[in-house]
């Protein structure tokens, strides 16, 4: 995605089997290849030893400087535009209300998640700071510059929330604390609340407590896969990666106890091989704990081990997206819904008039994530076009209009309401 116009990237190969969902049998990642020893652990960047100077915009292995957190953080293209460190604009929206800060090191993330552009297997192909992530480049900016810019804006800041995104790295826990301390020393959490997108693999309960005590108000876990089997296939032993399903739920239990109800949640990626019933079972489990689910529509990330696979069909995505919203915000339970033999939602558990009202409100189809300052069910983290091209929007980073909602209704196979 360029800084001025999102790419209309083709969403992977088209389905030719007539299915309106991605079954597990069709969603097998490629096996990771072995990285030459000379290119492991950021060796190319560290051997070159180029000192960073100011903002670094990804240039695809052209003299990548030796940047490290906590002195440097990366941010999404939309956040960089909103902050003013890059020119450009986003289609139909004013960039983003969430400042996503991603920890960065030459060694990169040491995990190997099959769907992720930051995965370890890309060491020979891309230096960490040059890798795409959720479809966009992530420029690196001095942490001090980020904090100074936001602090100077005061209450006029466009950001409704800041999120520190951890990666799997030996320094990640300590450096998250350093970035959070530096931020809250200058910026009140009442002005810009802080979320943590955690790395449960390296964390303990004490780490969760420390982050709350330092001013974070929401703790999230990128569970991503909706079943233990898919988790292992895409994030664990199946791709030579260190993550474990049980560990992630242990940190979620800690977050429930430490941060409290409505202050924790989990990311889920829909369309990696789970059934709709399995995905919504996780949504219900999180809601019963007192948390929320934040959903992403699977999109084959270029360079990932799943970039050859089809994006989530829109009918599957809309059904789960709508059902998730009903569970999280309208007190509908999965037991109220009905599913067919393939696990697809066939009844959302609401009378038609009530369901129509939810659909026409449109919030159910917006990007889901941590709340901002508009209302509890409208996410600050709007991630413009992070899971789809603008030509076929999955998660709307703005309030969908009447034309958008007519398309949504067709994707849900529901009668289109005339305007």
Protein backbone atom coordinates (compact mmCIF):
# COMPACT_ATOMS: atom_id res chain seq x y z
CA UNK A 1 0.00 0.00 0.00
CA UNK A 2 1.36 3.41 -0.90
CA UNK A 3 0.98 6.31 1.48
CA UNK A 4 -1.58 8.00 -0.74
CA UNK A 5 -3.70 5.22 -2.22
CA UNK A 6 -4.23 1.68 -0.90
CA UNK A 7 -3.24 -1.10 -3.29
CA UNK A 8 -6.04 -3.05 -4.92
CA UNK A 9 -4.17 -6.30 -4.32
CA UNK A 10 -5.88 -9.43 -5.62
CA UNK A 11 -7.11 -11.46 -2.62
CA UNK A 12 -5.28 -14.71 -3.43
CA UNK A 13 -6.57 -17.35 -5.80
CA UNK A 14 -10.29 -17.38 -6.47
CA UNK A 15 -12.38 -20.25 -5.16
CA UNK A 16 -13.21 -22.80 -7.84
CA UNK A 17 -14.95 -25.37 -5.64
CA UNK A 18 -18.18 -23.46 -5.05
CA UNK A 19 -17.61 -23.19 -1.28
CA UNK A 20 -18.51 -20.04 0.61
CA UNK A 21 -16.03 -20.74 3.42
CA UNK A 22 -12.39 -21.82 3.79
CA UNK A 23 -12.26 -25.41 5.08
CA UNK A 24 -9.24 -26.65 7.03
CA UNK A 25 -8.32 -29.10 4.27
CA UNK A 26 -7.76 -26.18 1.87
CA UNK A 27 -5.68 -23.96 4.17
CA UNK A 28 -2.33 -25.74 4.60
CA UNK A 29 0.69 -23.40 4.91
CA UNK A 30 3.89 -24.04 3.01
CA UNK A 31 6.72 -25.52 5.06
CA UNK A 32 9.26 -22.89 6.13
CA UNK A 33 12.64 -23.06 4.41
CA UNK A 34 15.95 -23.02 6.22
CA UNK A 35 17.66 -19.62 6.43
CA UNK A 36 21.38 -19.57 5.59
CA UNK A 37 23.43 -19.12 8.76
CA UNK A 38 24.96 -15.87 7.49
CA UNK A 39 21.52 -14.26 7.29
CA UNK A 40 20.05 -15.36 10.62
CA UNK A 41 19.25 -13.07 13.54
CA UNK A 42 19.63 -9.84 11.55
CA UNK A 43 23.26 -10.60 10.78
CA UNK A 44 23.24 -8.57 7.56
CA UNK A 45 22.07 -5.42 9.36
CA UNK A 46 24.33 -5.88 12.37
CA UNK A 47 27.42 -6.52 10.25
CA UNK A 48 26.76 -3.37 8.19
CA UNK A 49 26.38 -1.38 11.43
CA UNK A 50 24.70 1.64 9.86
CA UNK A 51 23.53 4.12 12.52
CA UNK A 52 19.89 5.22 12.27
CA UNK A 53 19.15 8.86 11.56
CA UNK A 54 15.61 10.11 12.05
CA UNK A 55 12.63 8.48 10.36
CA UNK A 56 13.31 5.32 8.35
CA UNK A 57 10.90 4.41 5.56
CA UNK A 58 11.19 0.79 4.42
CA UNK A 59 13.44 0.55 1.37
CA UNK A 60 13.65 -3.23 1.00
CA UNK A 61 17.13 -4.19 2.13
CA UNK A 62 18.87 -1.05 0.90
CA UNK A 63 21.25 -0.19 3.75
CA UNK A 64 18.77 -0.90 6.56
CA UNK A 65 20.11 0.81 9.71
CA UNK A 66 20.67 -0.94 13.03
CA UNK A 67 17.49 0.25 14.79
CA UNK A 68 16.35 -1.08 18.14
CA UNK A 69 13.61 -0.55 20.63
CA UNK A 70 13.10 1.19 22.98
CA UNK A 71 14.94 3.99 21.12
CA UNK A 72 13.02 3.23 17.92
CA UNK A 73 9.52 1.95 17.21
CA UNK A 74 7.77 1.13 13.96
CA UNK A 75 4.26 2.32 13.14
CA UNK A 76 1.68 1.55 10.50
CA UNK A 77 1.54 3.63 7.34
CA UNK A 78 -1.81 5.10 8.44
CA UNK A 79 -0.38 6.05 11.86
CA UNK A 80 2.67 7.63 10.23
CA UNK A 81 0.45 9.74 7.97
CA UNK A 82 -1.73 10.79 10.92
CA UNK A 83 1.35 11.64 13.01
CA UNK A 84 2.72 13.73 10.15
CA UNK A 85 5.96 11.83 9.52
CA UNK A 86 4.78 10.68 6.08
CA UNK A 87 2.65 12.42 3.43
CA UNK A 88 -0.50 10.87 2.05
CA UNK A 89 -4.10 10.01 2.76
CA UNK A 90 -6.31 6.95 2.98
CA UNK A 91 -9.30 6.17 0.78
CA UNK A 92 -12.57 7.42 2.32
CA UNK A 93 -11.12 7.90 5.81
CA UNK A 94 -8.89 10.28 7.76
CA UNK A 95 -6.18 7.68 8.30
CA UNK A 96 -6.41 6.26 11.83
CA UNK A 97 -7.41 7.09 15.41
CA UNK A 98 -4.98 4.56 16.91
CA UNK A 99 -1.22 5.01 17.12
CA UNK A 100 0.12 1.46 16.72
CA UNK A 101 3.72 1.20 17.91
CA UNK A 102 5.58 -1.98 16.99
CA UNK A 103 8.81 -2.95 18.72
CA UNK A 104 11.72 -3.35 16.33
CA UNK A 105 15.10 -5.10 16.31
CA UNK A 106 17.48 -6.25 13.56
CA UNK A 107 16.89 -9.82 14.76
CA UNK A 108 13.18 -9.32 14.17
CA UNK A 109 10.41 -11.51 15.52
CA UNK A 110 11.69 -14.96 16.48
CA UNK A 111 8.32 -16.59 15.93
CA UNK A 112 7.31 -18.03 12.56
CA UNK A 113 3.54 -17.58 12.25
CA UNK A 114 2.42 -18.86 8.86
CA UNK A 115 0.19 -15.90 7.96
CA UNK A 116 2.46 -13.09 9.16
CA UNK A 117 4.75 -10.88 7.10
CA UNK A 118 7.06 -10.42 10.10
CA UNK A 119 7.75 -14.16 10.41
CA UNK A 120 11.26 -15.47 11.02
CA UNK A 121 11.39 -17.45 7.77
CA UNK A 122 11.70 -14.17 5.82
CA UNK A 123 15.20 -13.45 7.18
CA UNK A 124 16.88 -14.22 3.85
CA UNK A 125 14.30 -12.22 1.89
CA UNK A 126 13.73 -9.06 3.93
CA UNK A 127 15.38 -7.29 6.82
CA UNK A 128 12.88 -6.99 9.67
CA UNK A 129 12.36 -3.21 9.35
CA UNK A 130 11.51 -3.65 5.65
CA UNK A 131 8.86 -6.35 6.00
CA UNK A 132 5.20 -5.69 5.26
CA UNK A 133 2.71 -6.41 8.04
CA UNK A 134 -1.08 -6.54 7.62
CA UNK A 135 -0.60 -5.37 4.02
CA UNK A 136 1.38 -2.17 4.66
CA UNK A 137 4.89 -0.88 5.31
CA UNK A 138 5.82 0.14 8.84
CA UNK A 139 8.23 3.11 8.95
CA UNK A 140 10.51 3.35 11.98
CA UNK A 141 10.55 6.54 14.05
CA UNK A 142 12.57 7.58 17.12
CA UNK A 143 10.40 6.91 20.16
CA UNK A 144 11.25 10.31 21.62
CA UNK A 145 10.00 12.01 18.44
CA UNK A 146 6.72 10.11 18.57
CA UNK A 147 6.09 11.02 22.20
CA UNK A 148 7.07 14.67 21.70
CA UNK A 149 4.73 15.06 18.72
CA UNK A 150 1.73 13.60 20.53
CA UNK A 151 2.49 15.45 23.78
CA UNK A 152 2.76 18.77 21.92
CA UNK A 153 -0.72 18.28 20.43
CA UNK A 154 -2.24 17.78 23.87
CA UNK A 155 -6.01 17.33 23.86
CA UNK A 156 -6.08 18.18 20.15
CA UNK A 157 -4.32 14.93 19.22
CA UNK A 158 -6.15 12.93 16.55
CA UNK A 159 -5.34 9.71 18.38
CA UNK A 160 -7.99 8.12 20.57
CA UNK A 161 -5.64 5.36 21.73
CA UNK A 162 -2.04 4.16 21.59
CA UNK A 163 -1.10 0.48 21.37
CA UNK A 164 2.31 -1.07 22.00
CA UNK A 165 2.63 -4.23 19.91
CA UNK A 166 5.14 -6.72 21.25
CA UNK A 167 7.01 -9.30 19.20
CA UNK A 168 8.75 -12.53 20.14
CA UNK A 169 12.21 -11.30 21.09
CA UNK A 170 14.33 -11.59 24.26
CA UNK A 171 14.16 -7.81 24.83
CA UNK A 172 10.46 -7.38 24.11
CA UNK A 173 9.13 -7.50 27.68
CA UNK A 174 11.65 -5.05 29.13
CA UNK A 175 11.43 -2.68 26.18
CA UNK A 176 7.64 -2.59 26.30
CA UNK A 177 7.97 -1.37 29.89
CA UNK A 178 10.51 1.27 28.79
CA UNK A 179 8.30 2.60 25.99
CA UNK A 180 5.24 2.65 28.27
CA UNK A 181 7.14 4.48 31.03
CA UNK A 182 8.43 7.10 28.59
CA UNK A 183 4.94 7.60 27.15
CA UNK A 184 3.05 7.96 30.43
CA UNK A 185 5.73 10.33 31.77
CA UNK A 186 4.64 12.84 29.12
CA UNK A 187 1.11 11.87 28.09
CA UNK A 188 -1.74 11.18 30.47
CA UNK A 189 -3.63 7.93 29.85
CA UNK A 190 -6.77 10.03 30.21
CA UNK A 191 -5.73 11.96 27.08
CA UNK A 192 -4.59 8.92 25.09
CA UNK A 193 -5.43 5.56 26.70
CA UNK A 194 -2.88 2.77 26.18
CA UNK A 195 -3.39 -0.82 25.05
CA UNK A 196 -0.86 -3.63 25.05
CA UNK A 197 -0.85 -6.21 22.27
CA UNK A 198 1.09 -8.78 24.21
CA UNK A 199 3.43 -11.67 23.52
CA UNK A 200 2.23 -14.36 25.96
CA UNK A 201 5.08 -16.72 25.03
CA UNK A 202 7.64 -14.60 26.90
CA UNK A 203 5.40 -13.15 29.62
CA UNK A 204 4.40 -14.01 33.15
CA UNK A 205 1.53 -12.83 35.33
CA UNK A 206 3.92 -10.36 36.99
CA UNK A 207 4.52 -8.75 33.60
CA UNK A 208 0.77 -8.29 33.15
CA UNK A 209 0.52 -6.61 36.56
CA UNK A 210 3.49 -4.33 35.83
CA UNK A 211 1.96 -3.05 32.59
CA UNK A 212 -1.32 -2.24 34.34
CA UNK A 213 0.51 -0.44 37.14
CA UNK A 214 2.41 1.65 34.59
CA UNK A 215 -0.79 2.97 33.04
CA UNK A 216 -1.98 0.54 30.36
CA UNK A 217 -5.76 0.14 30.55
CA UNK A 218 -6.40 -2.71 28.06
CA UNK A 219 -4.45 -5.93 27.56
CA UNK A 220 -4.90 -8.00 24.41
CA UNK A 221 -3.61 -11.29 23.09
CA UNK A 222 -3.25 -12.15 19.40
CA UNK A 223 -4.71 -15.63 19.65
CA UNK A 224 -5.46 -15.48 15.89
CA UNK A 225 -6.20 -19.19 15.34
CA UNK A 226 -9.60 -20.36 16.62
CA UNK A 227 -8.78 -24.00 17.49
CA UNK A 228 -5.80 -25.70 19.14
CA UNK A 229 -5.14 -27.67 15.95
CA UNK A 230 -5.06 -24.59 13.73
CA UNK A 231 -2.97 -22.75 16.30
CA UNK A 232 -0.35 -25.50 16.23
CA UNK A 233 -0.47 -25.70 12.43
CA UNK A 234 0.00 -21.95 11.88
CA UNK A 235 1.76 -20.68 15.04
CA UNK A 236 3.36 -23.64 16.79
CA UNK A 237 5.27 -26.81 16.00
CA UNK A 238 3.74 -27.04 12.53
CA UNK A 239 5.82 -24.05 11.38
CA UNK A 240 8.78 -24.37 13.79
CA UNK A 241 7.42 -21.60 15.99
CA UNK A 242 7.46 -21.36 19.81
CA UNK A 243 3.86 -20.38 20.59
CA UNK A 244 1.47 -22.64 22.51
CA UNK A 245 -2.33 -22.46 22.73
CA UNK A 246 -2.37 -23.13 26.48
CA UNK A 247 0.10 -20.32 27.23
CA UNK A 248 -2.05 -17.79 25.40
CA UNK A 249 -5.14 -18.69 27.42
CA UNK A 250 -3.13 -18.52 30.65
CA UNK A 251 -2.22 -14.89 29.88
CA UNK A 252 -5.86 -14.16 29.04
CA UNK A 253 -6.83 -15.54 32.44
CA UNK A 254 -4.24 -13.25 34.01
CA UNK A 255 -5.57 -10.27 32.05
CA UNK A 256 -9.10 -10.97 33.27
CA UNK A 257 -7.92 -11.00 36.88
CA UNK A 258 -5.53 -8.04 36.61
CA UNK A 259 -7.26 -5.64 34.18
CA UNK A 260 -10.86 -6.64 34.85
CA UNK A 261 -13.98 -7.02 32.75
CA UNK A 262 -14.16 -5.10 29.45
CA UNK A 263 -10.43 -4.35 29.70
CA UNK A 264 -8.99 -7.35 27.86
CA UNK A 265 -9.52 -9.20 24.62
CA UNK A 266 -8.13 -11.45 21.92
CA UNK A 267 -7.50 -11.09 18.20
CA UNK A 268 -9.02 -13.75 15.95
CA UNK A 269 -8.37 -14.29 12.24
CA UNK A 270 -11.39 -15.69 10.41
CA UNK A 271 -11.01 -18.00 7.43
CA UNK A 272 -7.89 -20.03 8.26
CA UNK A 273 -9.77 -23.33 8.35
CA UNK A 274 -12.03 -23.10 11.40
CA UNK A 275 -15.79 -23.48 11.13
CA UNK A 276 -18.01 -20.53 11.94
CA UNK A 277 -19.30 -22.39 14.97
CA UNK A 278 -15.73 -22.93 16.23
CA UNK A 279 -14.85 -19.26 15.76
CA UNK A 280 -17.98 -18.08 17.54
CA UNK A 281 -17.38 -20.59 20.32
CA UNK A 282 -14.14 -18.73 21.07
CA UNK A 283 -15.99 -15.40 20.89
CA UNK A 284 -18.52 -16.68 23.42
CA UNK A 285 -15.77 -18.04 25.68
CA UNK A 286 -14.07 -14.64 25.72
CA UNK A 287 -17.35 -12.86 26.39
CA UNK A 288 -18.16 -15.22 29.26
CA UNK A 289 -14.76 -14.31 30.74
CA UNK A 290 -15.69 -10.62 30.51
CA UNK A 291 -13.57 -9.78 27.47
CA UNK A 292 -14.03 -9.00 23.81
CA UNK A 293 -12.87 -10.43 20.50
CA UNK A 294 -11.14 -8.33 17.85
CA UNK A 295 -11.54 -9.84 14.40
CA UNK A 296 -9.44 -9.86 11.26
CA UNK A 297 -10.50 -11.28 7.91
CA UNK A 298 -7.79 -13.62 6.60
CA UNK A 299 -5.96 -12.01 3.71
CA UNK A 300 -2.93 -13.78 2.19
CA UNK A 301 -0.01 -11.59 3.27
CA UNK A 302 2.63 -11.30 0.56
CA UNK A 303 5.76 -13.19 1.61
CA UNK A 304 4.00 -15.29 4.25
CA UNK A 305 3.71 -19.09 4.28
CA UNK A 306 0.00 -18.71 3.43
CA UNK A 307 0.24 -16.18 0.60
CA UNK A 308 -0.87 -18.82 -1.92
CA UNK A 309 -4.20 -19.44 -0.19
CA UNK A 310 -7.60 -17.81 -0.78
CA UNK A 311 -8.81 -14.87 1.28
CA UNK A 312 -11.88 -15.46 3.41
CA UNK A 313 -15.03 -15.48 1.25
CA UNK A 314 -17.11 -12.42 2.07
CA UNK A 315 -20.21 -14.46 2.90
CA UNK A 316 -18.33 -16.39 5.58
CA UNK A 317 -16.72 -13.21 6.89
CA UNK A 318 -19.97 -11.24 7.13
CA UNK A 319 -21.78 -14.04 8.95
CA UNK A 320 -19.07 -14.32 11.60
CA UNK A 321 -18.56 -10.56 11.78
CA UNK A 322 -22.26 -9.97 12.47
CA UNK A 323 -22.59 -12.88 14.92
CA UNK A 324 -19.50 -11.75 16.82
CA UNK A 325 -20.98 -8.27 17.25
CA UNK A 326 -24.25 -9.70 18.55
CA UNK A 327 -22.42 -11.81 21.14
CA UNK A 328 -20.11 -9.02 22.25
CA UNK A 329 -22.56 -6.10 22.32
CA UNK A 330 -26.19 -7.26 22.02
CA UNK A 331 -26.30 -10.06 24.63
CA UNK A 332 -27.02 -12.75 22.04
CA UNK A 333 -25.42 -16.09 22.90
CA UNK A 334 -24.12 -18.74 20.56
CA UNK A 335 -26.80 -21.05 21.98
CA UNK A 336 -29.44 -18.69 20.55
CA UNK A 337 -28.05 -19.13 17.02
CA UNK A 338 -28.46 -22.03 14.64
CA UNK A 339 -25.79 -23.62 12.48
CA UNK A 340 -25.88 -26.02 9.52
CA UNK A 341 -23.95 -29.29 9.17
CA UNK A 342 -20.86 -27.36 7.94
CA UNK A 343 -20.94 -25.11 11.01
CA UNK A 344 -22.24 -22.06 9.13
CA UNK A 345 -24.58 -19.57 10.81
CA UNK A 346 -28.11 -19.96 9.47
CA UNK A 347 -29.98 -18.06 12.20
CA UNK A 348 -28.51 -15.19 14.24
CA UNK A 349 -30.88 -15.61 17.18
CA UNK A 350 -32.70 -12.27 16.79
CA UNK A 351 -36.12 -11.42 15.36
CA UNK A 352 -35.81 -10.08 11.79
CA UNK A 353 -36.68 -6.50 12.73
CA UNK A 354 -34.02 -6.37 15.44
CA UNK A 355 -31.42 -7.95 13.15
CA UNK A 356 -32.26 -5.41 10.41
CA UNK A 357 -31.73 -2.58 12.88
CA UNK A 358 -28.27 -3.89 13.82
CA UNK A 359 -27.29 -4.28 10.18
CA UNK A 360 -28.49 -0.80 9.24
CA UNK A 361 -26.59 0.72 12.16
CA UNK A 362 -23.44 -0.55 10.41
CA UNK A 363 -21.11 -0.74 13.44
CA UNK A 364 -21.05 -4.55 13.28
CA UNK A 365 -19.10 -4.33 10.01
CA UNK A 366 -16.51 -1.79 11.13
CA UNK A 367 -13.02 -2.75 12.23
CA UNK A 368 -13.15 -4.35 15.66
CA UNK A 369 -10.58 -3.62 18.34
CA UNK A 370 -9.99 -1.61 21.49
CA UNK A 371 -12.52 1.20 22.00
CA UNK A 372 -11.81 4.86 21.36
CA UNK A 373 -13.72 7.96 22.40
CA UNK A 374 -16.85 7.65 20.25
CA UNK A 375 -18.70 4.72 21.82
CA UNK A 376 -17.70 1.41 23.38
CA UNK A 377 -18.48 -0.66 20.28
CA UNK A 378 -16.56 1.61 17.86
CA UNK A 379 -12.89 0.74 17.75
CA UNK A 380 -10.10 3.30 17.91
CA UNK A 381 -7.95 0.77 16.10
CA UNK A 382 -9.50 1.11 12.66
CA UNK A 383 -6.56 -0.44 10.68
CA UNK A 384 -7.48 1.02 7.26
CA UNK A 385 -7.46 -1.76 4.66
CA UNK A 386 -5.35 -4.04 6.83
CA UNK A 387 -7.40 -7.11 5.88
CA UNK A 388 -8.72 -6.26 2.41
CA UNK A 389 -8.31 -4.04 -0.63
CA UNK A 390 -10.56 -0.95 -0.76
CA UNK A 391 -12.30 -2.45 -3.78
CA UNK A 392 -13.77 -5.20 -1.57
CA UNK A 393 -13.73 -3.91 1.99
CA UNK A 394 -13.84 -6.50 4.75
CA UNK A 395 -13.50 -4.32 7.87
CA UNK A 396 -14.80 -0.80 7.29
CA UNK A 397 -12.44 1.81 8.79
CA UNK A 398 -15.29 4.32 8.63
CA UNK A 399 -19.06 4.25 9.12
CA UNK A 400 -20.41 2.31 6.12
CA UNK A 401 -22.88 4.22 3.96
CA UNK A 402 -26.15 3.04 2.45
CA UNK A 403 -24.44 1.68 -0.66
CA UNK A 404 -21.93 -0.21 1.51
CA UNK A 405 -24.71 -1.74 3.60
CA UNK A 406 -26.63 -2.84 0.53
CA UNK A 407 -23.53 -4.76 -0.53
CA UNK A 408 -23.17 -6.22 2.96
CA UNK A 409 -26.76 -7.46 2.87
CA UNK A 410 -26.14 -9.15 -0.47
CA UNK A 411 -23.05 -10.82 1.01
CA UNK A 412 -25.23 -12.04 3.89
CA UNK A 413 -27.81 -13.27 1.38
CA UNK A 414 -30.43 -11.00 2.95
CA UNK A 415 -33.03 -8.84 1.18
CA UNK A 416 -31.65 -5.45 0.23
CA UNK A 417 -33.47 -2.59 1.96
CA UNK A 418 -34.45 0.15 -0.51
CA UNK A 419 -33.31 3.63 0.43
